[in-house]
Amino acid sequence: MRGSKSGVEVKIREKAVQLLDIDGDSCHHIHNSCKKFCAPFENWLEGLLCDLHNDFKWSSDLRDWLSDLCDILHVKFTMAQRYVSHGWLSVYDVALATDMLFDCYITFYYGFIPKTLQPNYTEILESIYEKKGVSKEARERIAEIHHQLAVKMKTLTDDGKKRKERIVEKVLIQSKKTTLQLHFYIAALPILQKYVKVFQSKEIMIHRLHDQQLESFQVSLYVL
């Protein structure tokens, strides 16, 4: 397939010397560029996205309780998505969905914090309640969900408990760091996604290759 003498690329060059070498799949290069761009953050956000996906994938109880919380906070419930490592730009769509549910995640995972530590984060919870106009009755329902989560915590496997601890660390304890990265990804990655969408369309777009590469480069310099 890739042989230096009889590989597909060699055969094509022999039979069609007029073809322009555009250095492989530029969309694949963009995904690799996105991965390189995100590397300095040391998978902080990507690890959270994977943990959230796995947490709700394996538990219908957790999904139902989160769905109830979303209704109370007037946020549309969606399942935690998973980005794919071979298509690194998918992290943008998952980050966007996570940002929309972030208040719900804060409220939800508050229930997994030991009661002795909960007072440290009550102010964050109260600010969400005020912002969303949560009624007294709704707050009582949230308290019930938190109690159910505390009971659930006692029955989890060691892996499940460790995953909850990692999520709590990123969603509550270091929420500012997490939201900063979320908003940075959401602001910067659409530049790369726009390029990929152009060349993943059904139409032949090779004539726009140079212009799109130049535009993406110029916009990146301006934004970043």
N, C-alpha and C. Protein backbone atom coordinates (compact mmCIF):
# COMPACT_ATOMS: atom_id res chain seq x y z
N MET A 1 0.83 -1.21 0.00
CA MET A 1 0.00 0.00 0.00
C MET A 1 0.87 1.26 0.00
N ARG A 2 1.90 1.27 0.86
CA ARG A 2 2.75 2.45 0.97
C ARG A 2 4.19 2.14 0.53
N GLY A 3 4.39 1.07 -0.20
CA GLY A 3 5.74 0.69 -0.62
C GLY A 3 6.40 1.75 -1.47
N SER A 4 7.73 1.84 -1.34
CA SER A 4 8.49 2.86 -2.08
C SER A 4 8.58 2.55 -3.58
N LYS A 5 8.31 1.28 -3.97
CA LYS A 5 8.41 0.90 -5.38
C LYS A 5 7.05 0.57 -6.00
N SER A 6 6.18 -0.07 -5.22
CA SER A 6 4.91 -0.50 -5.80
C SER A 6 3.70 0.00 -4.99
N GLY A 7 3.92 0.98 -4.14
CA GLY A 7 2.82 1.52 -3.35
C GLY A 7 1.83 2.30 -4.20
N VAL A 8 0.65 2.55 -3.64
CA VAL A 8 -0.41 3.24 -4.37
C VAL A 8 0.04 4.63 -4.82
N GLU A 9 0.70 5.36 -3.92
CA GLU A 9 1.13 6.72 -4.26
C GLU A 9 2.14 6.70 -5.40
N VAL A 10 3.06 5.73 -5.37
CA VAL A 10 4.06 5.62 -6.45
C VAL A 10 3.38 5.34 -7.78
N LYS A 11 2.41 4.42 -7.79
CA LYS A 11 1.70 4.06 -9.02
C LYS A 11 0.93 5.25 -9.59
N ILE A 12 0.30 6.00 -8.68
CA ILE A 12 -0.46 7.18 -9.14
C ILE A 12 0.47 8.20 -9.78
N ARG A 13 1.63 8.42 -9.15
CA ARG A 13 2.57 9.40 -9.69
C ARG A 13 3.10 8.96 -11.07
N GLU A 14 3.26 7.65 -11.24
CA GLU A 14 3.74 7.14 -12.52
C GLU A 14 2.73 7.36 -13.64
N LYS A 15 1.46 7.14 -13.34
CA LYS A 15 0.41 7.19 -14.36
C LYS A 15 -0.21 8.58 -14.51
N ALA A 16 -0.09 9.41 -13.48
CA ALA A 16 -0.73 10.73 -13.54
C ALA A 16 0.22 11.78 -12.99
N VAL A 17 1.26 12.04 -13.73
CA VAL A 17 2.30 12.98 -13.28
C VAL A 17 1.80 14.41 -13.19
N GLN A 18 0.66 14.68 -13.84
CA GLN A 18 0.13 16.04 -13.83
C GLN A 18 -0.59 16.39 -12.52
N LEU A 19 -0.87 15.40 -11.67
CA LEU A 19 -1.60 15.67 -10.43
C LEU A 19 -0.76 16.51 -9.47
N LEU A 20 -1.44 17.39 -8.78
CA LEU A 20 -0.77 18.27 -7.83
C LEU A 20 -0.66 17.60 -6.47
N ASP A 21 0.53 17.59 -5.90
CA ASP A 21 0.75 17.04 -4.57
C ASP A 21 0.31 18.09 -3.54
N ILE A 22 -0.78 17.79 -2.82
CA ILE A 22 -1.28 18.73 -1.81
C ILE A 22 -0.97 18.23 -0.39
N ASP A 23 0.03 17.33 -0.30
CA ASP A 23 0.52 16.88 1.00
C ASP A 23 -0.55 16.17 1.83
N GLY A 24 -1.24 15.23 1.22
CA GLY A 24 -2.18 14.40 1.97
C GLY A 24 -3.48 15.10 2.28
N ASP A 25 -4.21 14.55 3.24
CA ASP A 25 -5.53 15.06 3.63
C ASP A 25 -5.35 16.26 4.56
N SER A 26 -5.68 17.44 4.05
CA SER A 26 -5.48 18.65 4.86
C SER A 26 -6.41 18.67 6.07
N CYS A 27 -7.59 18.04 5.97
CA CYS A 27 -8.50 17.97 7.12
C CYS A 27 -7.87 17.17 8.26
N HIS A 28 -7.16 16.09 7.86
CA HIS A 28 -6.46 15.30 8.87
C HIS A 28 -5.36 16.13 9.54
N HIS A 29 -4.70 16.95 8.75
CA HIS A 29 -3.67 17.84 9.30
C HIS A 29 -4.28 18.83 10.30
N ILE A 30 -5.49 19.30 9.99
CA ILE A 30 -6.16 20.24 10.89
C ILE A 30 -6.49 19.58 12.22
N HIS A 31 -6.96 18.34 12.17
CA HIS A 31 -7.23 17.60 13.42
C HIS A 31 -5.94 17.44 14.23
N ASN A 32 -4.85 17.14 13.54
CA ASN A 32 -3.56 17.02 14.23
C ASN A 32 -3.11 18.36 14.81
N SER A 33 -3.41 19.44 14.08
CA SER A 33 -3.07 20.78 14.57
C SER A 33 -3.87 21.09 15.83
N CYS A 34 -5.14 20.69 15.83
CA CYS A 34 -5.99 20.90 17.01
C CYS A 34 -5.43 20.15 18.21
N LYS A 35 -5.00 18.91 17.98
CA LYS A 35 -4.42 18.10 19.06
C LYS A 35 -3.16 18.76 19.61
N LYS A 36 -2.34 19.27 18.70
CA LYS A 36 -1.11 19.95 19.12
C LYS A 36 -1.43 21.23 19.88
N PHE A 37 -2.45 21.94 19.42
CA PHE A 37 -2.88 23.18 20.06
C PHE A 37 -3.35 22.93 21.50
N CYS A 38 -4.03 21.81 21.71
CA CYS A 38 -4.59 21.50 23.04
C CYS A 38 -3.57 20.85 23.98
N ALA A 39 -2.46 20.38 23.43
CA ALA A 39 -1.48 19.62 24.23
C ALA A 39 -0.98 20.33 25.48
N PRO A 40 -0.70 21.65 25.45
CA PRO A 40 -0.17 22.31 26.64
C PRO A 40 -1.11 22.27 27.85
N PHE A 41 -2.39 22.00 27.61
CA PHE A 41 -3.35 21.95 28.71
C PHE A 41 -3.36 20.59 29.42
N GLU A 42 -2.56 19.67 28.91
CA GLU A 42 -2.31 18.37 29.57
C GLU A 42 -3.58 17.58 29.85
N ASN A 43 -4.50 17.60 28.88
CA ASN A 43 -5.71 16.78 28.93
C ASN A 43 -6.62 17.08 30.13
N TRP A 44 -6.49 18.27 30.69
CA TRP A 44 -7.36 18.63 31.83
C TRP A 44 -8.83 18.55 31.42
N LEU A 45 -9.16 19.21 30.33
CA LEU A 45 -10.55 19.24 29.88
C LEU A 45 -10.97 17.93 29.25
N GLU A 46 -10.08 17.35 28.44
CA GLU A 46 -10.40 16.09 27.77
C GLU A 46 -10.67 14.98 28.77
N GLY A 47 -9.90 14.97 29.88
CA GLY A 47 -10.11 13.98 30.92
C GLY A 47 -11.48 14.14 31.57
N LEU A 48 -11.89 15.39 31.79
CA LEU A 48 -13.21 15.65 32.36
C LEU A 48 -14.31 15.18 31.42
N LEU A 49 -14.17 15.47 30.14
CA LEU A 49 -15.19 15.09 29.17
C LEU A 49 -15.36 13.57 29.13
N CYS A 50 -14.26 12.86 29.17
CA CYS A 50 -14.32 11.38 29.18
C CYS A 50 -14.99 10.87 30.46
N ASP A 51 -14.63 11.46 31.60
CA ASP A 51 -15.21 11.03 32.87
C ASP A 51 -16.71 11.29 32.91
N LEU A 52 -17.14 12.44 32.44
CA LEU A 52 -18.58 12.74 32.42
C LEU A 52 -19.32 11.76 31.52
N HIS A 53 -18.76 11.49 30.35
CA HIS A 53 -19.40 10.56 29.43
C HIS A 53 -19.55 9.18 30.08
N ASN A 54 -18.48 8.69 30.69
CA ASN A 54 -18.53 7.36 31.30
C ASN A 54 -19.44 7.32 32.51
N ASP A 55 -19.49 8.41 33.26
CA ASP A 55 -20.32 8.45 34.46
C ASP A 55 -21.79 8.22 34.12
N PHE A 56 -22.27 8.86 33.08
CA PHE A 56 -23.70 8.77 32.75
C PHE A 56 -24.01 7.63 31.78
N LYS A 57 -23.00 7.17 31.08
CA LYS A 57 -23.21 6.07 30.14
C LYS A 57 -23.63 4.80 30.87
N TRP A 58 -23.05 4.56 32.03
CA TRP A 58 -23.25 3.29 32.72
C TRP A 58 -24.32 3.35 33.82
N SER A 59 -24.98 4.48 34.02
CA SER A 59 -25.94 4.59 35.12
C SER A 59 -27.20 5.32 34.70
N SER A 60 -28.30 4.59 34.61
CA SER A 60 -29.58 5.22 34.28
C SER A 60 -30.07 6.09 35.44
N ASP A 61 -29.72 5.71 36.68
CA ASP A 61 -30.11 6.52 37.84
C ASP A 61 -29.51 7.92 37.76
N LEU A 62 -28.22 7.98 37.46
CA LEU A 62 -27.56 9.28 37.37
C LEU A 62 -28.16 10.11 36.24
N ARG A 63 -28.46 9.47 35.12
CA ARG A 63 -29.07 10.19 34.00
C ARG A 63 -30.42 10.78 34.40
N ASP A 64 -31.22 9.99 35.10
CA ASP A 64 -32.55 10.46 35.51
C ASP A 64 -32.45 11.63 36.49
N TRP A 65 -31.54 11.53 37.45
CA TRP A 65 -31.40 12.60 38.43
C TRP A 65 -30.87 13.88 37.77
N LEU A 66 -29.92 13.73 36.86
CA LEU A 66 -29.41 14.91 36.15
C LEU A 66 -30.50 15.53 35.29
N SER A 67 -31.32 14.70 34.66
CA SER A 67 -32.42 15.19 33.85
C SER A 67 -33.40 16.00 34.70
N ASP A 68 -33.69 15.52 35.90
CA ASP A 68 -34.56 16.27 36.82
C ASP A 68 -33.96 17.62 37.17
N LEU A 69 -32.65 17.64 37.44
CA LEU A 69 -31.96 18.89 37.77
C LEU A 69 -32.02 19.87 36.60
N CYS A 70 -31.83 19.36 35.40
CA CYS A 70 -31.89 20.22 34.21
C CYS A 70 -33.27 20.86 34.08
N ASP A 71 -34.31 20.08 34.35
CA ASP A 71 -35.67 20.64 34.30
C ASP A 71 -35.84 21.76 35.32
N ILE A 72 -35.33 21.55 36.52
CA ILE A 72 -35.45 22.55 37.58
C ILE A 72 -34.70 23.83 37.21
N LEU A 73 -33.52 23.67 36.58
CA LEU A 73 -32.68 24.82 36.24
C LEU A 73 -32.98 25.38 34.85
N HIS A 74 -34.03 24.84 34.21
CA HIS A 74 -34.47 25.33 32.89
C HIS A 74 -33.37 25.20 31.84
N VAL A 75 -32.70 24.05 31.86
CA VAL A 75 -31.66 23.75 30.88
C VAL A 75 -32.05 22.46 30.17
N LYS A 76 -31.92 22.45 28.84
CA LYS A 76 -32.26 21.24 28.09
C LYS A 76 -31.27 20.13 28.41
N PHE A 77 -31.79 18.99 28.84
CA PHE A 77 -30.92 17.86 29.17
C PHE A 77 -30.40 17.18 27.91
N THR A 78 -29.10 16.94 27.88
CA THR A 78 -28.48 16.14 26.83
C THR A 78 -27.49 15.19 27.48
N MET A 79 -27.34 14.01 26.88
CA MET A 79 -26.36 13.06 27.40
C MET A 79 -24.95 13.60 27.22
N ALA A 80 -24.11 13.35 28.21
CA ALA A 80 -22.70 13.75 28.10
C ALA A 80 -22.08 13.05 26.90
N GLN A 81 -21.55 13.83 25.98
CA GLN A 81 -20.99 13.28 24.74
C GLN A 81 -19.53 12.86 24.93
N ARG A 82 -19.04 12.16 23.93
CA ARG A 82 -17.64 11.71 23.95
C ARG A 82 -16.93 12.18 22.70
N TYR A 83 -15.79 12.80 22.89
CA TYR A 83 -15.00 13.19 21.71
C TYR A 83 -14.16 11.99 21.27
N VAL A 84 -13.77 12.00 20.01
CA VAL A 84 -12.97 10.87 19.49
C VAL A 84 -11.54 11.35 19.27
N SER A 85 -10.59 10.58 19.75
CA SER A 85 -9.19 11.00 19.71
C SER A 85 -8.63 11.09 18.30
N HIS A 86 -9.19 10.29 17.36
CA HIS A 86 -8.67 10.34 15.99
C HIS A 86 -9.31 11.49 15.20
N GLY A 87 -10.31 12.14 15.78
CA GLY A 87 -10.90 13.34 15.18
C GLY A 87 -10.93 14.41 16.25
N TRP A 88 -9.75 14.96 16.54
CA TRP A 88 -9.58 15.77 17.75
C TRP A 88 -10.50 16.98 17.79
N LEU A 89 -10.91 17.50 16.65
CA LEU A 89 -11.79 18.67 16.64
C LEU A 89 -13.15 18.38 17.25
N SER A 90 -13.50 17.11 17.39
CA SER A 90 -14.78 16.77 18.02
C SER A 90 -14.82 17.27 19.46
N VAL A 91 -13.66 17.58 20.03
CA VAL A 91 -13.61 18.11 21.39
C VAL A 91 -14.33 19.46 21.46
N TYR A 92 -14.39 20.18 20.35
CA TYR A 92 -15.10 21.47 20.33
C TYR A 92 -16.58 21.29 20.61
N ASP A 93 -17.23 20.39 19.88
CA ASP A 93 -18.68 20.17 20.05
C ASP A 93 -19.00 19.68 21.46
N VAL A 94 -18.15 18.80 21.99
CA VAL A 94 -18.38 18.27 23.33
C VAL A 94 -18.16 19.36 24.38
N ALA A 95 -17.16 20.21 24.17
CA ALA A 95 -16.92 21.32 25.08
C ALA A 95 -18.10 22.28 25.09
N LEU A 96 -18.68 22.53 23.93
CA LEU A 96 -19.82 23.42 23.81
C LEU A 96 -21.02 22.86 24.58
N ALA A 97 -21.29 21.57 24.42
CA ALA A 97 -22.41 20.94 25.13
C ALA A 97 -22.17 20.94 26.63
N THR A 98 -20.91 20.73 27.03
CA THR A 98 -20.58 20.70 28.45
C THR A 98 -20.75 22.08 29.09
N ASP A 99 -20.37 23.11 28.36
CA ASP A 99 -20.53 24.47 28.86
C ASP A 99 -22.01 24.81 29.09
N MET A 100 -22.88 24.35 28.21
CA MET A 100 -24.31 24.61 28.35
C MET A 100 -24.89 23.94 29.59
N LEU A 101 -24.30 22.81 29.99
CA LEU A 101 -24.79 22.06 31.16
C LEU A 101 -23.96 22.31 32.42
N PHE A 102 -23.02 23.23 32.37
CA PHE A 102 -22.05 23.32 33.46
C PHE A 102 -22.70 23.66 34.81
N ASP A 103 -23.67 24.56 34.84
CA ASP A 103 -24.37 24.86 36.09
C ASP A 103 -25.06 23.62 36.64
N CYS A 104 -25.59 22.82 35.74
CA CYS A 104 -26.26 21.57 36.16
C CYS A 104 -25.25 20.58 36.74
N TYR A 105 -24.07 20.50 36.11
CA TYR A 105 -23.03 19.61 36.62
C TYR A 105 -22.55 20.06 38.00
N ILE A 106 -22.40 21.38 38.19
CA ILE A 106 -21.99 21.89 39.51
C ILE A 106 -23.01 21.49 40.56
N THR A 107 -24.28 21.73 40.24
CA THR A 107 -25.36 21.41 41.18
C THR A 107 -25.43 19.91 41.44
N PHE A 108 -25.24 19.12 40.40
CA PHE A 108 -25.34 17.67 40.51
C PHE A 108 -24.21 17.09 41.37
N TYR A 109 -22.98 17.44 41.04
CA TYR A 109 -21.83 16.81 41.72
C TYR A 109 -21.58 17.39 43.12
N TYR A 110 -22.27 18.45 43.45
CA TYR A 110 -22.28 18.93 44.83
C TYR A 110 -22.74 17.81 45.77
N GLY A 111 -23.64 16.97 45.27
CA GLY A 111 -24.18 15.87 46.07
C GLY A 111 -23.16 14.79 46.39
N PHE A 112 -22.03 14.76 45.69
CA PHE A 112 -21.00 13.76 45.94
C PHE A 112 -19.90 14.27 46.86
N ILE A 113 -19.99 15.54 47.27
CA ILE A 113 -19.00 16.09 48.20
C ILE A 113 -19.35 15.67 49.62
N PRO A 114 -18.38 15.27 50.43
CA PRO A 114 -18.67 14.95 51.84
C PRO A 114 -19.38 16.12 52.54
N LYS A 115 -20.33 15.83 53.40
CA LYS A 115 -21.12 16.88 54.05
C LYS A 115 -20.26 17.88 54.80
N THR A 116 -19.13 17.41 55.31
CA THR A 116 -18.25 18.32 56.06
C THR A 116 -17.63 19.39 55.15
N LEU A 117 -17.54 19.11 53.85
CA LEU A 117 -16.94 20.06 52.90
C LEU A 117 -17.98 20.86 52.11
N GLN A 118 -19.23 20.43 52.14
CA GLN A 118 -20.26 21.09 51.35
C GLN A 118 -20.41 22.59 51.66
N PRO A 119 -20.31 23.02 52.94
CA PRO A 119 -20.45 24.46 53.22
C PRO A 119 -19.45 25.34 52.45
N ASN A 120 -18.32 24.77 52.05
CA ASN A 120 -17.32 25.54 51.29
C ASN A 120 -17.83 25.93 49.91
N TYR A 121 -18.84 25.21 49.41
CA TYR A 121 -19.32 25.45 48.05
C TYR A 121 -20.79 25.84 48.00
N THR A 122 -21.37 26.10 49.16
CA THR A 122 -22.78 26.50 49.21
C THR A 122 -23.01 27.81 48.48
N GLU A 123 -22.05 28.72 48.59
CA GLU A 123 -22.20 30.03 47.93
C GLU A 123 -22.31 29.89 46.41
N ILE A 124 -21.53 28.97 45.84
CA ILE A 124 -21.59 28.72 44.39
C ILE A 124 -22.98 28.21 44.02
N LEU A 125 -23.49 27.29 44.85
CA LEU A 125 -24.81 26.72 44.60
C LEU A 125 -25.90 27.79 44.69
N GLU A 126 -25.80 28.64 45.71
CA GLU A 126 -26.79 29.70 45.90
C GLU A 126 -26.80 30.68 44.73
N SER A 127 -25.64 30.96 44.19
CA SER A 127 -25.57 31.89 43.05
C SER A 127 -26.28 31.30 41.83
N ILE A 128 -26.17 29.98 41.65
CA ILE A 128 -26.87 29.31 40.54
C ILE A 128 -28.38 29.35 40.78
N TYR A 129 -28.81 29.09 42.02
CA TYR A 129 -30.23 29.13 42.34
C TYR A 129 -30.83 30.51 42.06
N GLU A 130 -30.11 31.54 42.45
CA GLU A 130 -30.61 32.91 42.24
C GLU A 130 -30.64 33.25 40.74
N LYS A 131 -29.60 32.84 40.03
CA LYS A 131 -29.53 33.13 38.59
C LYS A 131 -30.65 32.43 37.83
N LYS A 132 -30.99 31.21 38.26
CA LYS A 132 -32.00 30.41 37.57
C LYS A 132 -33.40 30.59 38.16
N GLY A 133 -33.52 31.36 39.24
CA GLY A 133 -34.84 31.58 39.86
C GLY A 133 -35.45 30.31 40.42
N VAL A 134 -34.64 29.55 41.16
CA VAL A 134 -35.09 28.27 41.72
C VAL A 134 -35.98 28.52 42.94
N SER A 135 -37.17 27.95 42.92
CA SER A 135 -38.14 28.14 44.00
C SER A 135 -37.78 27.31 45.23
N LYS A 136 -38.48 27.57 46.33
CA LYS A 136 -38.26 26.82 47.57
C LYS A 136 -38.55 25.34 47.36
N GLU A 137 -39.66 25.04 46.68
CA GLU A 137 -40.03 23.64 46.44
C GLU A 137 -38.98 22.94 45.57
N ALA A 138 -38.46 23.68 44.58
CA ALA A 138 -37.44 23.09 43.70
C ALA A 138 -36.15 22.84 44.46
N ARG A 139 -35.81 23.75 45.38
CA ARG A 139 -34.61 23.55 46.20
C ARG A 139 -34.74 22.30 47.06
N GLU A 140 -35.95 22.06 47.56
CA GLU A 140 -36.19 20.87 48.37
C GLU A 140 -36.02 19.61 47.52
N ARG A 141 -36.46 19.66 46.27
CA ARG A 141 -36.28 18.52 45.37
C ARG A 141 -34.80 18.30 45.09
N ILE A 142 -34.05 19.37 44.91
CA ILE A 142 -32.60 19.24 44.69
C ILE A 142 -31.94 18.62 45.91
N ALA A 143 -32.37 19.02 47.09
CA ALA A 143 -31.81 18.44 48.33
C ALA A 143 -32.08 16.94 48.39
N GLU A 144 -33.26 16.53 47.91
CA GLU A 144 -33.58 15.09 47.86
C GLU A 144 -32.63 14.36 46.91
N ILE A 145 -32.38 14.96 45.77
CA ILE A 145 -31.46 14.35 44.79
C ILE A 145 -30.06 14.25 45.39
N HIS A 146 -29.63 15.29 46.09
CA HIS A 146 -28.30 15.26 46.73
C HIS A 146 -28.22 14.13 47.75
N HIS A 147 -29.30 13.92 48.48
CA HIS A 147 -29.31 12.82 49.46
C HIS A 147 -29.20 11.47 48.75
N GLN A 148 -29.92 11.32 47.64
CA GLN A 148 -29.86 10.07 46.87
C GLN A 148 -28.46 9.84 46.31
N LEU A 149 -27.82 10.91 45.90
CA LEU A 149 -26.45 10.80 45.38
C LEU A 149 -25.47 10.39 46.48
N ALA A 150 -25.66 10.92 47.67
CA ALA A 150 -24.79 10.56 48.80
C ALA A 150 -24.93 9.08 49.13
N VAL A 151 -26.15 8.58 49.05
CA VAL A 151 -26.39 7.15 49.28
C VAL A 151 -25.75 6.33 48.16
N LYS A 152 -25.91 6.81 46.93
CA LYS A 152 -25.34 6.12 45.78
C LYS A 152 -23.83 6.02 45.89
N MET A 153 -23.20 7.06 46.41
CA MET A 153 -21.74 7.11 46.54
C MET A 153 -21.21 5.93 47.35
N LYS A 154 -21.97 5.50 48.34
CA LYS A 154 -21.55 4.42 49.23
C LYS A 154 -21.53 3.06 48.52
N THR A 155 -22.27 2.94 47.41
CA THR A 155 -22.38 1.65 46.72
C THR A 155 -21.48 1.56 45.48
N LEU A 156 -20.74 2.61 45.20
CA LEU A 156 -19.93 2.65 43.98
C LEU A 156 -18.69 1.77 44.10
N THR A 157 -18.19 1.34 42.96
CA THR A 157 -16.90 0.64 42.91
C THR A 157 -15.79 1.65 43.17
N ASP A 158 -14.59 1.16 43.39
CA ASP A 158 -13.45 2.05 43.61
C ASP A 158 -13.22 2.94 42.38
N ASP A 159 -13.36 2.35 41.19
CA ASP A 159 -13.19 3.14 39.96
C ASP A 159 -14.24 4.24 39.87
N GLY A 160 -15.47 3.90 40.25
CA GLY A 160 -16.55 4.88 40.22
C GLY A 160 -16.32 6.02 41.19
N LYS A 161 -15.83 5.69 42.38
CA LYS A 161 -15.54 6.72 43.38
C LYS A 161 -14.40 7.63 42.93
N LYS A 162 -13.38 7.04 42.34
CA LYS A 162 -12.24 7.85 41.86
C LYS A 162 -12.67 8.78 40.73
N ARG A 163 -13.55 8.27 39.87
CA ARG A 163 -14.04 9.11 38.77
C ARG A 163 -14.84 10.29 39.32
N LYS A 164 -15.69 10.03 40.32
CA LYS A 164 -16.46 11.13 40.95
C LYS A 164 -15.51 12.16 41.57
N GLU A 165 -14.46 11.69 42.20
CA GLU A 165 -13.50 12.61 42.83
C GLU A 165 -12.82 13.49 41.79
N ARG A 166 -12.48 12.90 40.64
CA ARG A 166 -11.84 13.68 39.57
C ARG A 166 -12.80 14.72 39.02
N ILE A 167 -14.06 14.33 38.84
CA ILE A 167 -15.05 15.26 38.31
C ILE A 167 -15.30 16.40 39.29
N VAL A 168 -15.46 16.07 40.57
CA VAL A 168 -15.68 17.09 41.59
C VAL A 168 -14.52 18.07 41.62
N GLU A 169 -13.31 17.56 41.49
CA GLU A 169 -12.12 18.42 41.49
C GLU A 169 -12.20 19.46 40.37
N LYS A 170 -12.64 19.03 39.19
CA LYS A 170 -12.63 19.92 38.03
C LYS A 170 -13.90 20.76 37.91
N VAL A 171 -15.03 20.22 38.35
CA VAL A 171 -16.30 20.94 38.20
C VAL A 171 -16.54 21.91 39.35
N LEU A 172 -16.09 21.56 40.56
CA LEU A 172 -16.36 22.40 41.73
C LEU A 172 -15.10 23.04 42.31
N ILE A 173 -14.15 22.22 42.70
CA ILE A 173 -12.98 22.75 43.42
C ILE A 173 -12.16 23.67 42.54
N GLN A 174 -11.95 23.28 41.28
CA GLN A 174 -11.18 24.12 40.35
C GLN A 174 -12.06 24.51 39.16
N SER A 175 -13.26 24.94 39.45
CA SER A 175 -14.22 25.28 38.39
C SER A 175 -13.74 26.44 37.53
N LYS A 176 -13.03 27.39 38.12
CA LYS A 176 -12.56 28.55 37.34
C LYS A 176 -11.58 28.12 36.26
N LYS A 177 -10.68 27.21 36.61
CA LYS A 177 -9.72 26.71 35.63
C LYS A 177 -10.45 25.98 34.51
N THR A 178 -11.44 25.18 34.88
CA THR A 178 -12.18 24.39 33.89
C THR A 178 -12.99 25.29 32.96
N THR A 179 -13.71 26.25 33.52
CA THR A 179 -14.52 27.14 32.67
C THR A 179 -13.65 28.01 31.77
N LEU A 180 -12.47 28.39 32.27
CA LEU A 180 -11.55 29.17 31.44
C LEU A 180 -11.13 28.38 30.22
N GLN A 181 -10.78 27.11 30.42
CA GLN A 181 -10.38 26.27 29.28
C GLN A 181 -11.55 26.00 28.35
N LEU A 182 -12.73 25.76 28.93
CA LEU A 182 -13.92 25.54 28.11
C LEU A 182 -14.16 26.73 27.18
N HIS A 183 -14.14 27.92 27.73
CA HIS A 183 -14.42 29.11 26.94
C HIS A 183 -13.31 29.40 25.93
N PHE A 184 -12.09 29.04 26.28
CA PHE A 184 -10.98 29.22 25.35
C PHE A 184 -11.14 28.28 24.16
N TYR A 185 -11.46 27.02 24.43
CA TYR A 185 -11.68 26.06 23.34
C TYR A 185 -12.84 26.52 22.45
N ILE A 186 -13.93 26.96 23.09
CA ILE A 186 -15.12 27.37 22.35
C ILE A 186 -14.84 28.58 21.48
N ALA A 187 -13.94 29.46 21.94
CA ALA A 187 -13.62 30.66 21.17
C ALA A 187 -12.63 30.38 20.04
N ALA A 188 -11.67 29.49 20.27
CA ALA A 188 -10.56 29.30 19.32
C ALA A 188 -10.79 28.20 18.29
N LEU A 189 -11.39 27.09 18.70
CA LEU A 189 -11.46 25.93 17.81
C LEU A 189 -12.40 26.08 16.62
N PRO A 190 -13.42 26.95 16.66
CA PRO A 190 -14.26 27.11 15.45
C PRO A 190 -13.48 27.55 14.22
N ILE A 191 -12.33 28.19 14.42
CA ILE A 191 -11.49 28.59 13.29
C ILE A 191 -11.06 27.36 12.50
N LEU A 192 -10.64 26.33 13.21
CA LEU A 192 -10.21 25.09 12.57
C LEU A 192 -11.40 24.29 12.06
N GLN A 193 -12.49 24.31 12.83
CA GLN A 193 -13.68 23.54 12.43
C GLN A 193 -14.27 24.07 11.12
N LYS A 194 -14.25 25.39 10.96
CA LYS A 194 -14.78 25.99 9.74
C LYS A 194 -14.03 25.46 8.52
N TYR A 195 -12.71 25.36 8.64
CA TYR A 195 -11.88 24.86 7.54
C TYR A 195 -12.28 23.42 7.19
N VAL A 196 -12.41 22.58 8.21
CA VAL A 196 -12.73 21.17 7.97
C VAL A 196 -14.10 21.03 7.31
N LYS A 197 -15.07 21.81 7.74
CA LYS A 197 -16.42 21.71 7.17
C LYS A 197 -16.43 22.06 5.68
N VAL A 198 -15.59 23.00 5.28
CA VAL A 198 -15.54 23.37 3.87
C VAL A 198 -15.12 22.18 3.02
N PHE A 199 -14.10 21.45 3.46
CA PHE A 199 -13.54 20.38 2.64
C PHE A 199 -14.13 19.00 2.93
N GLN A 200 -15.09 18.95 3.85
CA GLN A 200 -15.81 17.69 4.06
C GLN A 200 -17.18 17.73 3.38
N SER A 201 -17.45 18.78 2.63
CA SER A 201 -18.71 18.88 1.90
C SER A 201 -18.66 17.97 0.66
N LYS A 202 -19.80 17.73 0.05
CA LYS A 202 -19.89 16.84 -1.11
C LYS A 202 -19.28 17.47 -2.36
N GLU A 203 -19.32 18.79 -2.42
CA GLU A 203 -18.81 19.47 -3.60
C GLU A 203 -17.27 19.41 -3.66
N ILE A 204 -16.74 19.51 -4.85
CA ILE A 204 -15.29 19.58 -5.05
C ILE A 204 -14.83 20.99 -4.67
N MET A 205 -13.94 21.06 -3.69
CA MET A 205 -13.55 22.37 -3.16
C MET A 205 -12.05 22.60 -3.25
N ILE A 206 -11.34 21.80 -4.04
CA ILE A 206 -9.89 21.91 -4.10
C ILE A 206 -9.44 23.31 -4.55
N HIS A 207 -10.27 23.96 -5.36
CA HIS A 207 -9.92 25.29 -5.86
C HIS A 207 -9.90 26.34 -4.74
N ARG A 208 -10.45 26.00 -3.57
CA ARG A 208 -10.49 26.94 -2.46
C ARG A 208 -9.42 26.63 -1.40
N LEU A 209 -8.59 25.64 -1.69
CA LEU A 209 -7.62 25.19 -0.70
C LEU A 209 -6.70 26.32 -0.23
N HIS A 210 -6.08 27.01 -1.16
CA HIS A 210 -5.14 28.07 -0.79
C HIS A 210 -5.83 29.19 -0.02
N ASP A 211 -6.98 29.63 -0.50
CA ASP A 211 -7.69 30.73 0.15
C ASP A 211 -8.11 30.37 1.57
N GLN A 212 -8.59 29.14 1.75
CA GLN A 212 -9.04 28.71 3.08
C GLN A 212 -7.86 28.57 4.05
N GLN A 213 -6.76 28.06 3.55
CA GLN A 213 -5.58 27.93 4.40
C GLN A 213 -5.07 29.30 4.81
N LEU A 214 -5.05 30.22 3.87
CA LEU A 214 -4.59 31.58 4.17
C LEU A 214 -5.53 32.26 5.17
N GLU A 215 -6.84 32.11 4.95
CA GLU A 215 -7.81 32.73 5.86
C GLU A 215 -7.69 32.16 7.27
N SER A 216 -7.58 30.84 7.38
CA SER A 216 -7.46 30.20 8.69
C SER A 216 -6.21 30.68 9.42
N PHE A 217 -5.13 30.80 8.68
CA PHE A 217 -3.87 31.26 9.26
C PHE A 217 -3.99 32.71 9.75
N GLN A 218 -4.57 33.56 8.93
CA GLN A 218 -4.70 34.98 9.28
C GLN A 218 -5.63 35.18 10.48
N VAL A 219 -6.76 34.47 10.49
CA VAL A 219 -7.70 34.59 11.61
C VAL A 219 -7.07 34.07 12.89
N SER A 220 -6.31 32.98 12.78
CA SER A 220 -5.64 32.43 13.97
C SER A 220 -4.67 33.44 14.57
N LEU A 221 -3.93 34.12 13.71
CA LEU A 221 -2.99 35.14 14.19
C LEU A 221 -3.72 36.27 14.90
N TYR A 222 -4.88 36.65 14.37
CA TYR A 222 -5.65 37.75 14.94
C TYR A 222 -6.26 37.37 16.29
N VAL A 223 -6.85 36.15 16.36
CA VAL A 223 -7.56 35.71 17.56
C VAL A 223 -6.59 35.30 18.65
N LEU A 224 -5.54 34.55 18.27
CA LEU A 224 -4.65 33.97 19.27
C LEU A 224 -3.44 34.86 19.54
